[in-house]
Amino acid sequence: MFGDVAIRLLKMAGHSGTVPGALLAHDIPSALARLQQELAAAGPEEEIEQSDRPDQEDADVSPTVGIRLRAYPLIQLLSAAAEKECDVMWEQTHSML
């Protein structure tokens, strides 16, 4: 996940967004619930933003990916961690490209 999007999602979940960071197992259910509430509240804004874009005639223009779609892997990770009562940790990595 790209840094700016990851930090935005962490903040939506109630975390400070610091990197490296962690969520302890007992904090994950509330962080997940808060993230889902924030995404639900952000949903209509994101849809309006995408519908206002001009038609894409240029093949070089990448389609916009909404925050709700970008959050899906994090929601799955937090759901699995909550089910297994595991901590979640993250750090910044440097691309080899």
Protein backbone atom coordinates (compact mmCIF):
# COMPACT_ATOMS: atom_id res chain seq x y z
CA MET A 1 0.00 0.00 0.00
CA PHE A 2 1.38 3.43 -0.87
CA GLY A 3 2.44 5.58 2.08
CA ASP A 4 -0.03 8.44 1.72
CA VAL A 5 -3.03 6.13 1.34
CA ALA A 6 -1.84 3.85 4.14
CA ILE A 7 -1.44 6.76 6.55
CA ARG A 8 -4.87 8.13 5.61
CA LEU A 9 -6.46 4.73 6.31
CA LEU A 10 -4.60 4.34 9.60
CA LYS A 11 -5.83 7.74 10.71
CA MET A 12 -9.37 6.81 9.69
CA ALA A 13 -9.01 3.78 11.97
CA GLY A 14 -8.09 6.06 14.87
CA HIS A 15 -4.33 5.51 14.79
CA SER A 16 -1.85 8.38 14.70
CA GLY A 17 -0.49 7.19 11.36
CA THR A 18 3.08 6.84 12.60
CA VAL A 19 5.41 4.55 10.70
CA PRO A 20 6.60 2.15 12.01
CA GLY A 21 3.59 1.36 14.13
CA ALA A 22 1.29 -1.33 15.44
CA LEU A 23 -2.21 -2.15 16.59
CA LEU A 24 -2.46 -4.54 19.50
CA ALA A 25 -4.91 -7.42 19.21
CA HIS A 26 -7.34 -5.99 21.76
CA ASP A 27 -7.47 -2.64 19.86
CA ILE A 28 -8.14 -4.11 16.42
CA PRO A 29 -11.94 -4.62 16.63
CA SER A 30 -12.54 -0.97 17.56
CA ALA A 31 -10.03 0.26 14.94
CA LEU A 32 -11.75 -1.86 12.30
CA ALA A 33 -15.19 -0.56 13.28
CA ARG A 34 -13.98 3.04 13.17
CA LEU A 35 -12.33 2.53 9.78
CA GLN A 36 -15.53 1.08 8.36
CA GLN A 37 -17.58 3.98 9.76
CA GLU A 38 -15.18 6.55 8.30
CA LEU A 39 -15.23 4.81 4.92
CA ALA A 40 -19.03 4.74 4.92
CA ALA A 41 -19.06 8.46 5.64
CA ALA A 42 -16.49 9.12 2.90
CA GLY A 43 -18.32 6.94 0.35
CA PRO A 44 -20.63 9.46 -1.33
CA GLU A 45 -17.86 12.08 -1.56
CA GLU A 46 -15.61 9.61 -3.34
CA GLU A 47 -18.37 8.64 -5.79
CA ILE A 48 -19.07 12.29 -6.63
CA GLU A 49 -15.36 12.98 -7.14
CA GLN A 50 -15.06 10.08 -9.58
CA SER A 51 -18.28 10.86 -11.48
CA ASP A 52 -17.12 14.46 -12.09
CA ARG A 53 -14.03 13.33 -13.98
CA PRO A 54 -14.07 13.89 -17.73
CA ASP A 55 -14.37 10.85 -19.97
CA GLN A 56 -11.08 9.08 -20.37
CA GLU A 57 -10.20 9.15 -24.05
CA ASP A 58 -6.46 8.97 -23.46
CA ALA A 59 -5.25 5.40 -22.90
CA ASP A 60 -2.31 6.70 -20.82
CA VAL A 61 -4.60 8.03 -18.08
CA SER A 62 -5.03 5.57 -15.23
CA PRO A 63 -8.51 5.26 -13.69
CA THR A 64 -8.97 6.66 -10.20
CA VAL A 65 -9.19 4.04 -7.46
CA GLY A 66 -11.47 5.11 -4.61
CA ILE A 67 -10.48 5.01 -0.96
CA ARG A 68 -13.04 2.30 -0.19
CA LEU A 69 -11.48 -0.04 -2.75
CA ARG A 70 -7.97 0.78 -1.52
CA ALA A 71 -9.08 -0.01 2.04
CA TYR A 72 -10.26 -3.53 1.16
CA PRO A 73 -6.90 -5.31 1.81
CA LEU A 74 -6.53 -3.52 5.16
CA ILE A 75 -10.07 -4.44 6.17
CA GLN A 76 -9.37 -8.08 5.31
CA LEU A 77 -6.10 -8.01 7.26
CA LEU A 78 -7.69 -6.42 10.33
CA SER A 79 -10.64 -8.81 10.19
CA ALA A 80 -8.31 -11.83 10.09
CA ALA A 81 -6.17 -10.40 12.90
CA ALA A 82 -9.26 -9.77 15.05
CA GLU A 83 -10.48 -13.32 14.45
CA LYS A 84 -7.10 -14.80 15.40
CA GLU A 85 -6.46 -12.23 18.15
CA CYS A 86 -3.13 -11.18 16.61
CA ASP A 87 -1.28 -7.87 16.70
CA VAL A 88 -0.69 -6.01 13.42
CA MET A 89 2.60 -4.21 12.80
CA TRP A 90 3.84 -2.14 9.86
CA GLU A 91 6.98 -0.40 8.73
CA GLN A 92 8.16 1.59 5.78
CA THR A 93 9.97 -0.36 3.11
CA HIS A 94 12.08 0.98 0.29
CA SER A 95 11.29 -0.09 -3.22
CA MET A 96 13.98 -1.96 -5.09
CA LEU A 97 12.82 -0.43 -8.40
